[in-house]
Structure formats: structure tokens, C-alpha cells
Amino acid sequence: MKKGIYILPSLFTLGNLVCGFLSILLAYNKNFSFSAWLIILAGIFDLLDGKVARLTDSVSKFGVELDSLCDMVSFGVAPIFLIYSIVLFRYGKIGIIISVFYVVATALRLARFNSDTFKGENSLGYFKGLPCPSAAYILSSFVLIDVVIDNNITKKIIPLIMKKFYIFSNLIPLIIILISFAMVSNISYFSLKSLKIEKAKTFKAIILCFIGGILIYRFPENMIFIIFLLYFLSGIFDILKKIKRISILLKSKGKED
């Protein structure tokens, strides 16, 4: 029974790995949409394996190591191979360098996460650096929108995104570089574990979740892209706020002197 409980989270982790590997195969065969959805599914498996491990009290060093190995495939290699197959190949050697940079950044991010886990530093309620599944979701949802636009399925695209998507498409090499830096940075990104809703705001939270659920159902590709892009930008905005506060303090001290 105990062995079965310890195996259960690993099954979800291996589901993550299988999705990542199949995503690479499908991207190679030019089935870009299905490949991107498999990365999304890999992220769901990655979320579930941690939840199951904590619920069953079966967190182990083996599970942490296995999770990182699978994440490297699903959120490191698979998404950048997919993006390279659609966009980055046009940039020649520069596209290859950017792809390698993303893979290396993912490996460093996962290695640091494991190191912090063993030190007990991952229970602080926030992530140090952009989580690699979030980075993979940005890239895979970009592909989903690109495929929908290419197939002229306008009903599945929010009009504003359709009009401005070409800007993001042209900036995708720069975006990938910024995402890679964000993964290995010390920027703080909030974790759902630290999210606490006050009783007075519970009703508002339910309404927002309901509206969000409808939008995700109606425009899944768009909403995945928007949610994780905003999550990526939230860390950068947080740094800008801190810099602004520091500059204000320095100015106030200068006036006092």
C-alpha cells in the first residue's frame, strides 16, 4: 500500500514526460497545434503530481529529481523545439543560439529549484525566478494563436489580439531571451500557495473566477496566452516598483542631508 502511494505521484510525473516527448514528435511532423496542447497537458500533470505527493505525504528526493528531468523535456526542449520549427528557424544561426540559451536557462532554473528545495527555501510562498512551466505556456499558447490565425478561425480570437499579434510575433526572439533571463533571475513570482482571499472578498473572487472560466472556455488559446504573459510581466513590474521606492527614499535622504 505504501509503495502504491509513493508510485502515484510518479505516474503523473511520467505523464508529464510522455506529453513532452510526444509534443516534440508532433512538432517534427508539423502538427503544431496538437504539439502545443500536449505542452499545456504536461503542465497539468506537473501541477497534479505535486498536489498528489503533498496530499499523500509521499514527497521524496526521488520524486523531486524525476520531476526535474521530466520538466526539462516538457518545458525546456519541447516548447523551444516547437517555436524553432515555426519561427526561430527563419533567423538562422541566431535562432539556434536563442534556442540553446532557452534550454540552458531552463536547466539552470530547475537545478536551482532542486537545490532550494533541499535547503527548505521553496516554502516561502513565492518562486525565485519565472517557473519554467509558465515560460513554456507562453510559448505554446503563442503557437496556438498563430495556428488559429493562419487557419483564419476568427471566432476563436479576441479582436484586439488579432490586430496586435503581429507585433508580438516579430518580437518573439527578444521575448524568448527575456523569458530565459527571467527564469534564472532572482525576480520574485507569487505562488498560488501564498494566495489568501479575505472572507469579505470571497464573493468578488467567485465572480472573477466565473467570468475567467467563461473567457477561457470561449477563447482558450487567447486566455492562456494573456494569463501567463501577465504573470511573466508581474515580476518585472514588481522590480520597477522596488526601484521606484528606492529612488524615492534616496531622494528624500538627499533632501534631508
C-alpha atoms as a PDB file:
ATOM      1  CA  MET A   1       0.000   0.000   0.000  1.00  0.00           C
ATOM      2  CA  LYS A   2       2.820   2.409   0.947  1.00  0.00           C
ATOM      3  CA  LYS A   3       4.667   1.609  -2.284  1.00  0.00           C
ATOM      4  CA  GLY A   4       1.486   2.293  -4.260  1.00  0.00           C
ATOM      5  CA  ILE A   5       1.093   5.690  -2.591  1.00  0.00           C
ATOM      6  CA  TYR A   6       4.685   6.632  -3.459  1.00  0.00           C
ATOM      7  CA  ILE A   7       4.251   5.454  -7.061  1.00  0.00           C
ATOM      8  CA  LEU A   8       1.064   7.503  -7.640  1.00  0.00           C
ATOM      9  CA  PRO A   9       2.732  10.966  -7.892  1.00  0.00           C
ATOM     10  CA  SER A  10       5.437   9.483 -10.136  1.00  0.00           C
ATOM     11  CA  LEU A  11       2.767   8.273 -12.573  1.00  0.00           C
ATOM     12  CA  PHE A  12       1.587  11.859 -13.011  1.00  0.00           C
ATOM     13  CA  THR A  13       5.218  12.968 -13.419  1.00  0.00           C
ATOM     14  CA  LEU A  14       5.763  10.350 -16.117  1.00  0.00           C
ATOM     15  CA  GLY A  15       2.543  11.531 -17.781  1.00  0.00           C
ATOM     16  CA  ASN A  16       4.225  14.934 -17.960  1.00  0.00           C
ATOM     17  CA  LEU A  17       7.280  13.337 -19.634  1.00  0.00           C
ATOM     18  CA  VAL A  18       5.185  11.392 -22.161  1.00  0.00           C
ATOM     19  CA  CYS A  19       3.306  14.573 -23.161  1.00  0.00           C
ATOM     20  CA  GLY A  20       6.580  16.449 -23.638  1.00  0.00           C
ATOM     21  CA  PHE A  21       8.117  13.712 -25.769  1.00  0.00           C
ATOM     22  CA  LEU A  22       5.006  13.329 -27.933  1.00  0.00           C
ATOM     23  CA  SER A  23       4.924  17.117 -28.327  1.00  0.00           C
ATOM     24  CA  ILE A  24       8.411  17.014 -29.868  1.00  0.00           C
ATOM     25  CA  LEU A  25       7.421  14.217 -32.260  1.00  0.00           C
ATOM     26  CA  LEU A  26       4.280  16.066 -33.362  1.00  0.00           C
ATOM     27  CA  ALA A  27       6.188  19.331 -33.851  1.00  0.00           C
ATOM     28  CA  TYR A  28       8.669  17.437 -36.030  1.00  0.00           C
ATOM     29  CA  ASN A  29       5.726  16.160 -38.090  1.00  0.00           C
ATOM     30  CA  LYS A  30       4.333  19.739 -38.423  1.00  0.00           C
ATOM     31  CA  ASN A  31       1.297  19.061 -36.197  1.00  0.00           C
ATOM     32  CA  PHE A  32       1.929  22.285 -34.285  1.00  0.00           C
ATOM     33  CA  SER A  33      -1.462  22.782 -32.642  1.00  0.00           C
ATOM     34  CA  PHE A  34      -1.632  19.314 -31.063  1.00  0.00           C
ATOM     35  CA  SER A  35       2.032  19.637 -30.062  1.00  0.00           C
ATOM     36  CA  ALA A  36       1.278  22.890 -28.191  1.00  0.00           C
ATOM     37  CA  TRP A  37      -1.775  21.398 -26.448  1.00  0.00           C
ATOM     38  CA  LEU A  38       0.375  18.496 -25.219  1.00  0.00           C
ATOM     39  CA  ILE A  39       2.701  21.002 -23.509  1.00  0.00           C
ATOM     40  CA  ILE A  40      -0.359  22.504 -21.819  1.00  0.00           C
ATOM     41  CA  LEU A  41      -1.402  18.999 -20.724  1.00  0.00           C
ATOM     42  CA  ALA A  42       2.138  18.337 -19.445  1.00  0.00           C
ATOM     43  CA  GLY A  43       1.738  21.405 -17.234  1.00  0.00           C
ATOM     44  CA  ILE A  44      -1.475  19.974 -15.779  1.00  0.00           C
ATOM     45  CA  PHE A  45       0.287  16.696 -14.979  1.00  0.00           C
ATOM     46  CA  ASP A  46       3.137  18.678 -13.414  1.00  0.00           C
ATOM     47  CA  LEU A  47       0.662  20.513 -11.182  1.00  0.00           C
ATOM     48  CA  LEU A  48      -1.111  17.308 -10.178  1.00  0.00           C
ATOM     49  CA  ASP A  49       1.994  15.317  -9.260  1.00  0.00           C
ATOM     50  CA  GLY A  50       2.986  17.884  -6.632  1.00  0.00           C
ATOM     51  CA  LYS A  51      -0.553  18.113  -5.271  1.00  0.00           C
ATOM     52  CA  VAL A  52      -0.869  14.323  -5.044  1.00  0.00           C
ATOM     53  CA  ALA A  53       2.565  13.981  -3.400  1.00  0.00           C
ATOM     54  CA  ARG A  54       1.630  16.505  -0.704  1.00  0.00           C
ATOM     55  CA  LEU A  55      -1.847  15.059  -0.144  1.00  0.00           C
ATOM     56  CA  THR A  56      -0.483  11.529   0.254  1.00  0.00           C
ATOM     57  CA  ASP A  57       2.575  12.712   2.206  1.00  0.00           C
ATOM     58  CA  SER A  58       4.807  10.953  -0.322  1.00  0.00           C
ATOM     59  CA  VAL A  59       7.223  13.769  -1.213  1.00  0.00           C
ATOM     60  CA  SER A  60      10.674  12.262  -1.795  1.00  0.00           C
ATOM     61  CA  LYS A  61      14.085  13.161  -3.181  1.00  0.00           C
ATOM     62  CA  PHE A  62      13.487  10.629  -5.957  1.00  0.00           C
ATOM     63  CA  GLY A  63      10.233  12.386  -6.895  1.00  0.00           C
ATOM     64  CA  VAL A  64      11.892  15.811  -6.946  1.00  0.00           C
ATOM     65  CA  GLU A  65      14.701  14.577  -9.209  1.00  0.00           C
ATOM     66  CA  LEU A  66      12.323  12.733 -11.536  1.00  0.00           C
ATOM     67  CA  ASP A  67      10.093  15.793 -11.752  1.00  0.00           C
ATOM     68  CA  SER A  68      13.005  17.985 -12.859  1.00  0.00           C
ATOM     69  CA  LEU A  69      14.139  15.501 -15.502  1.00  0.00           C
ATOM     70  CA  CYS A  70      10.627  15.339 -16.950  1.00  0.00           C
ATOM     71  CA  ASP A  71      10.219  19.128 -16.743  1.00  0.00           C
ATOM     72  CA  MET A  72      13.425  19.560 -18.745  1.00  0.00           C
ATOM     73  CA  VAL A  73      11.840  17.649 -21.627  1.00  0.00           C
ATOM     74  CA  SER A  74       8.320  19.094 -21.412  1.00  0.00           C
ATOM     75  CA  PHE A  75       9.120  22.723 -20.545  1.00  0.00           C
ATOM     76  CA  GLY A  76      12.695  23.064 -21.778  1.00  0.00           C
ATOM     77  CA  VAL A  77      13.169  21.113 -25.003  1.00  0.00           C
ATOM     78  CA  ALA A  78       9.584  20.676 -26.289  1.00  0.00           C
ATOM     79  CA  PRO A  79       8.423  24.337 -26.330  1.00  0.00           C
ATOM     80  CA  ILE A  80      11.610  25.764 -27.845  1.00  0.00           C
ATOM     81  CA  PHE A  81      11.708  22.994 -30.474  1.00  0.00           C
ATOM     82  CA  LEU A  82       8.112  23.895 -31.322  1.00  0.00           C
ATOM     83  CA  ILE A  83       8.885  27.632 -31.556  1.00  0.00           C
ATOM     84  CA  TYR A  84      12.035  26.966 -33.568  1.00  0.00           C
ATOM     85  CA  SER A  85      10.032  24.859 -36.032  1.00  0.00           C
ATOM     86  CA  ILE A  86       7.575  27.741 -36.602  1.00  0.00           C
ATOM     87  CA  VAL A  87       9.515  30.987 -36.113  1.00  0.00           C
ATOM     88  CA  LEU A  88      13.145  30.808 -34.993  1.00  0.00           C
ATOM     89  CA  PHE A  89      14.403  28.757 -37.965  1.00  0.00           C
ATOM     90  CA  ARG A  90      13.933  31.921 -40.052  1.00  0.00           C
ATOM     91  CA  TYR A  91      16.724  33.633 -38.101  1.00  0.00           C
ATOM     92  CA  GLY A  92      19.391  31.060 -38.979  1.00  0.00           C
ATOM     93  CA  LYS A  93      22.277  30.822 -36.505  1.00  0.00           C
ATOM     94  CA  ILE A  94      20.736  33.487 -34.266  1.00  0.00           C
ATOM     95  CA  GLY A  95      17.612  31.332 -33.938  1.00  0.00           C
ATOM     96  CA  ILE A  96      19.774  28.354 -32.922  1.00  0.00           C
ATOM     97  CA  ILE A  97      21.671  30.435 -30.323  1.00  0.00           C
ATOM     98  CA  ILE A  98      18.396  31.731 -28.824  1.00  0.00           C
ATOM     99  CA  SER A  99      17.041  28.171 -28.668  1.00  0.00           C
ATOM    100  CA  VAL A 100      20.172  26.900 -26.908  1.00  0.00           C
ATOM    101  CA  PHE A 101      20.033  29.846 -24.487  1.00  0.00           C
ATOM    102  CA  TYR A 102      16.431  28.978 -23.539  1.00  0.00           C
ATOM    103  CA  VAL A 103      17.282  25.301 -22.952  1.00  0.00           C
ATOM    104  CA  VAL A 104      20.307  26.193 -20.798  1.00  0.00           C
ATOM    105  CA  ALA A 105      18.239  28.711 -18.792  1.00  0.00           C
ATOM    106  CA  THR A 106      15.593  26.054 -18.147  1.00  0.00           C
ATOM    107  CA  ALA A 107      18.224  23.574 -16.943  1.00  0.00           C
ATOM    108  CA  LEU A 108      19.730  26.167 -14.582  1.00  0.00           C
ATOM    109  CA  ARG A 109      16.270  27.138 -13.301  1.00  0.00           C
ATOM    110  CA  LEU A 110      15.401  23.521 -12.486  1.00  0.00           C
ATOM    111  CA  ALA A 111      18.787  22.831 -10.878  1.00  0.00           C
ATOM    112  CA  ARG A 112      18.419  25.883  -8.633  1.00  0.00           C
ATOM    113  CA  PHE A 113      14.859  24.878  -7.734  1.00  0.00           C
ATOM    114  CA  ASN A 114      16.066  21.443  -6.622  1.00  0.00           C
ATOM    115  CA  SER A 115      18.894  22.981  -4.616  1.00  0.00           C
ATOM    116  CA  ASP A 116      16.499  25.410  -2.897  1.00  0.00           C
ATOM    117  CA  THR A 117      14.060  22.564  -2.204  1.00  0.00           C
ATOM    118  CA  PHE A 118      16.697  20.593  -0.272  1.00  0.00           C
ATOM    119  CA  LYS A 119      17.583  23.772   1.640  1.00  0.00           C
ATOM    120  CA  GLY A 120      13.902  24.297   2.508  1.00  0.00           C
ATOM    121  CA  GLU A 121      13.778  27.639   0.684  1.00  0.00           C
ATOM    122  CA  ASN A 122      10.846  26.792  -1.620  1.00  0.00           C
ATOM    123  CA  SER A 123       8.217  27.048   1.100  1.00  0.00           C
ATOM    124  CA  LEU A 124       8.359  30.848   1.286  1.00  0.00           C
ATOM    125  CA  GLY A 125       5.168  31.385  -0.728  1.00  0.00           C
ATOM    126  CA  TYR A 126       6.863  32.659  -3.867  1.00  0.00           C
ATOM    127  CA  PHE A 127       9.131  31.450  -6.675  1.00  0.00           C
ATOM    128  CA  LYS A 128      12.652  32.742  -7.235  1.00  0.00           C
ATOM    129  CA  GLY A 129      12.681  33.346 -10.973  1.00  0.00           C
ATOM    130  CA  LEU A 130       9.970  32.619 -13.528  1.00  0.00           C
ATOM    131  CA  PRO A 131       8.783  28.976 -13.225  1.00  0.00           C
ATOM    132  CA  CYS A 132       9.660  27.057 -16.392  1.00  0.00           C
ATOM    133  CA  PRO A 133       6.074  25.721 -16.902  1.00  0.00           C
ATOM    134  CA  SER A 134       4.892  29.357 -17.093  1.00  0.00           C
ATOM    135  CA  ALA A 135       7.562  30.115 -19.705  1.00  0.00           C
ATOM    136  CA  ALA A 136       6.503  27.032 -21.687  1.00  0.00           C
ATOM    137  CA  TYR A 137       2.837  28.082 -21.509  1.00  0.00           C
ATOM    138  CA  ILE A 138       3.659  31.494 -23.007  1.00  0.00           C
ATOM    139  CA  LEU A 139       5.444  29.874 -25.957  1.00  0.00           C
ATOM    140  CA  SER A 140       2.906  27.103 -26.537  1.00  0.00           C
ATOM    141  CA  SER A 141      -0.092  29.473 -26.325  1.00  0.00           C
ATOM    142  CA  PHE A 142       1.682  31.768 -28.822  1.00  0.00           C
ATOM    143  CA  VAL A 143       1.790  28.804 -31.208  1.00  0.00           C
ATOM    144  CA  LEU A 144      -1.900  28.035 -30.628  1.00  0.00           C
ATOM    145  CA  ILE A 145      -2.895  31.610 -31.513  1.00  0.00           C
ATOM    146  CA  ASP A 146      -0.570  31.595 -34.533  1.00  0.00           C
ATOM    147  CA  VAL A 147      -2.161  28.378 -35.845  1.00  0.00           C
ATOM    148  CA  VAL A 148      -5.705  29.713 -35.316  1.00  0.00           C
ATOM    149  CA  ILE A 149      -4.854  32.951 -37.177  1.00  0.00           C
ATOM    150  CA  ASP A 150      -3.185  31.031 -40.035  1.00  0.00           C
ATOM    151  CA  ASN A 151      -6.327  28.897 -40.373  1.00  0.00           C
ATOM    152  CA  ASN A 152      -8.449  32.088 -40.290  1.00  0.00           C
ATOM    153  CA  ILE A 153     -10.624  30.853 -37.395  1.00  0.00           C
ATOM    154  CA  THR A 154     -11.553  34.397 -36.325  1.00  0.00           C
ATOM    155  CA  LYS A 155     -14.296  33.261 -33.908  1.00  0.00           C
ATOM    156  CA  LYS A 156     -11.639  31.836 -31.567  1.00  0.00           C
ATOM    157  CA  ILE A 157      -9.565  35.029 -31.422  1.00  0.00           C
ATOM    158  CA  ILE A 158     -10.208  38.175 -29.374  1.00  0.00           C
ATOM    159  CA  PRO A 159     -10.222  41.012 -31.987  1.00  0.00           C
ATOM    160  CA  LEU A 160      -7.636  43.135 -30.155  1.00  0.00           C
ATOM    161  CA  ILE A 161      -5.186  40.227 -30.009  1.00  0.00           C
ATOM    162  CA  MET A 162      -5.716  39.507 -33.701  1.00  0.00           C
ATOM    163  CA  LYS A 163      -4.856  43.119 -34.597  1.00  0.00           C
ATOM    164  CA  LYS A 164      -1.752  43.336 -32.400  1.00  0.00           C
ATOM    165  CA  PHE A 165      -0.478  39.754 -32.613  1.00  0.00           C
ATOM    166  CA  TYR A 166       1.935  40.536 -35.450  1.00  0.00           C
ATOM    167  CA  ILE A 167       3.859  42.841 -33.061  1.00  0.00           C
ATOM    168  CA  PHE A 168       4.432  40.017 -30.587  1.00  0.00           C
ATOM    169  CA  SER A 169       5.271  37.646 -33.447  1.00  0.00           C
ATOM    170  CA  ASN A 170       8.030  39.969 -34.676  1.00  0.00           C
ATOM    171  CA  LEU A 171       9.376  40.343 -31.140  1.00  0.00           C
ATOM    172  CA  ILE A 172       9.349  36.616 -30.291  1.00  0.00           C
ATOM    173  CA  PRO A 173      13.179  36.241 -30.342  1.00  0.00           C
ATOM    174  CA  LEU A 174      13.516  39.121 -27.844  1.00  0.00           C
ATOM    175  CA  ILE A 175      10.635  37.755 -25.745  1.00  0.00           C
ATOM    176  CA  ILE A 176      12.332  34.353 -25.520  1.00  0.00           C
ATOM    177  CA  ILE A 177      15.581  35.981 -24.372  1.00  0.00           C
ATOM    178  CA  LEU A 178      13.704  37.992 -21.706  1.00  0.00           C
ATOM    179  CA  ILE A 179      11.818  34.883 -20.536  1.00  0.00           C
ATOM    180  CA  SER A 180      15.111  32.978 -20.307  1.00  0.00           C
ATOM    181  CA  PHE A 181      16.673  35.727 -18.184  1.00  0.00           C
ATOM    182  CA  ALA A 182      13.533  35.824 -16.004  1.00  0.00           C
ATOM    183  CA  MET A 183      13.860  32.077 -15.291  1.00  0.00           C
ATOM    184  CA  VAL A 184      17.428  32.374 -13.969  1.00  0.00           C
ATOM    185  CA  SER A 185      16.888  35.733 -12.252  1.00  0.00           C
ATOM    186  CA  ASN A 186      16.082  36.420  -8.597  1.00  0.00           C
ATOM    187  CA  ILE A 187      12.775  38.064  -9.522  1.00  0.00           C
ATOM    188  CA  SER A 188      10.015  37.011  -7.116  1.00  0.00           C
ATOM    189  CA  TYR A 189       6.900  35.457  -8.679  1.00  0.00           C
ATOM    190  CA  PHE A 190       3.905  34.776  -6.491  1.00  0.00           C
ATOM    191  CA  SER A 191       2.827  31.208  -5.824  1.00  0.00           C
ATOM    192  CA  LEU A 192      -0.779  30.037  -5.508  1.00  0.00           C
ATOM    193  CA  LYS A 193       0.241  28.635  -2.120  1.00  0.00           C
ATOM    194  CA  SER A 194       0.603  32.199  -0.839  1.00  0.00           C
ATOM    195  CA  LEU A 195      -2.726  33.346  -2.277  1.00  0.00           C
ATOM    196  CA  LYS A 196      -5.169  34.123   0.545  1.00  0.00           C
ATOM    197  CA  ILE A 197      -8.647  35.501  -0.085  1.00  0.00           C
ATOM    198  CA  GLU A 198     -10.302  37.514   2.680  1.00  0.00           C
ATOM    199  CA  LYS A 199     -13.845  36.491   3.600  1.00  0.00           C
ATOM    200  CA  ALA A 200     -15.127  39.928   2.631  1.00  0.00           C
ATOM    201  CA  LYS A 201     -13.704  39.468  -0.884  1.00  0.00           C
ATOM    202  CA  THR A 202     -14.786  35.849  -1.387  1.00  0.00           C
ATOM    203  CA  PHE A 203     -17.877  36.768  -3.434  1.00  0.00           C
ATOM    204  CA  LYS A 204     -15.833  39.040  -5.731  1.00  0.00           C
ATOM    205  CA  ALA A 205     -13.282  36.251  -6.169  1.00  0.00           C
ATOM    206  CA  ILE A 206     -16.025  33.783  -7.138  1.00  0.00           C
ATOM    207  CA  ILE A 207     -17.430  36.250  -9.695  1.00  0.00           C
ATOM    208  CA  LEU A 208     -13.979  36.849 -11.192  1.00  0.00           C
ATOM    209  CA  CYS A 209     -13.313  33.104 -11.384  1.00  0.00           C
ATOM    210  CA  PHE A 210     -16.692  32.585 -13.066  1.00  0.00           C
ATOM    211  CA  ILE A 211     -16.009  35.298 -15.658  1.00  0.00           C
ATOM    212  CA  GLY A 212     -12.483  33.963 -16.163  1.00  0.00           C
ATOM    213  CA  GLY A 213     -13.850  30.439 -16.653  1.00  0.00           C
ATOM    214  CA  ILE A 214     -16.259  31.659 -19.352  1.00  0.00           C
ATOM    215  CA  LEU A 215     -13.471  33.528 -21.170  1.00  0.00           C
ATOM    216  CA  ILE A 216     -11.164  30.515 -21.010  1.00  0.00           C
ATOM    217  CA  TYR A 217     -13.945  28.286 -22.379  1.00  0.00           C
ATOM    218  CA  ARG A 218     -14.735  30.793 -25.168  1.00  0.00           C
ATOM    219  CA  PHE A 219     -11.164  31.824 -26.031  1.00  0.00           C
ATOM    220  CA  PRO A 220      -8.856  29.139 -24.550  1.00  0.00           C
ATOM    221  CA  GLU A 221      -5.782  29.931 -26.666  1.00  0.00           C
ATOM    222  CA  ASN A 222      -6.117  33.670 -26.028  1.00  0.00           C
ATOM    223  CA  MET A 223      -6.669  33.437 -22.284  1.00  0.00           C
ATOM    224  CA  ILE A 224      -3.789  31.022 -21.642  1.00  0.00           C
ATOM    225  CA  PHE A 225      -1.518  33.422 -23.518  1.00  0.00           C
ATOM    226  CA  ILE A 226      -2.817  36.529 -21.684  1.00  0.00           C
ATOM    227  CA  ILE A 227      -2.746  34.968 -18.190  1.00  0.00           C
ATOM    228  CA  PHE A 228       0.839  33.695 -18.402  1.00  0.00           C
ATOM    229  CA  LEU A 229       2.160  36.736 -20.243  1.00  0.00           C
ATOM    230  CA  LEU A 230       0.746  38.934 -17.471  1.00  0.00           C
ATOM    231  CA  TYR A 231       2.277  36.570 -14.903  1.00  0.00           C
ATOM    232  CA  PHE A 232       5.673  36.987 -16.598  1.00  0.00           C
ATOM    233  CA  LEU A 233       5.277  40.788 -16.641  1.00  0.00           C
ATOM    234  CA  SER A 234       4.131  40.873 -12.996  1.00  0.00           C
ATOM    235  CA  GLY A 235       7.657  40.074 -11.817  1.00  0.00           C
ATOM    236  CA  ILE A 236       9.146  42.834 -13.962  1.00  0.00           C
ATOM    237  CA  PHE A 237       6.555  45.346 -12.701  1.00  0.00           C
ATOM    238  CA  ASP A 238       7.418  44.324  -9.140  1.00  0.00           C
ATOM    239  CA  ILE A 239      11.090  45.139  -9.758  1.00  0.00           C
ATOM    240  CA  LEU A 240      10.183  48.510 -11.296  1.00  0.00           C
ATOM    241  CA  LYS A 241       8.101  49.313  -8.195  1.00  0.00           C
ATOM    242  CA  LYS A 242      11.020  48.437  -5.918  1.00  0.00           C
ATOM    243  CA  ILE A 243      13.398  50.590  -7.990  1.00  0.00           C
ATOM    244  CA  LYS A 244      10.929  53.475  -7.795  1.00  0.00           C
ATOM    245  CA  ARG A 245      10.658  53.111  -3.999  1.00  0.00           C
ATOM    246  CA  ILE A 246      14.444  53.043  -3.640  1.00  0.00           C
ATOM    247  CA  SER A 247      14.826  56.168  -5.807  1.00  0.00           C
ATOM    248  CA  ILE A 248      12.182  57.975  -3.724  1.00  0.00           C
ATOM    249  CA  LEU A 249      13.987  57.017  -0.492  1.00  0.00           C
ATOM    250  CA  LEU A 250      17.333  58.162  -1.883  1.00  0.00           C
ATOM    251  CA  LYS A 251      15.836  61.475  -2.962  1.00  0.00           C
ATOM    252  CA  SER A 252      14.209  62.002   0.438  1.00  0.00           C
ATOM    253  CA  LYS A 253      17.520  61.245   2.217  1.00  0.00           C
ATOM    254  CA  GLY A 254      19.308  63.650  -0.132  1.00  0.00           C
ATOM    255  CA  LYS A 255      16.892  66.431   0.763  1.00  0.00           C
ATOM    256  CA  GLU A 256      17.343  65.747   4.500  1.00  0.00           C
ATOM    257  CA  ASP A 257      21.124  65.966   4.160  1.00  0.00           C
END
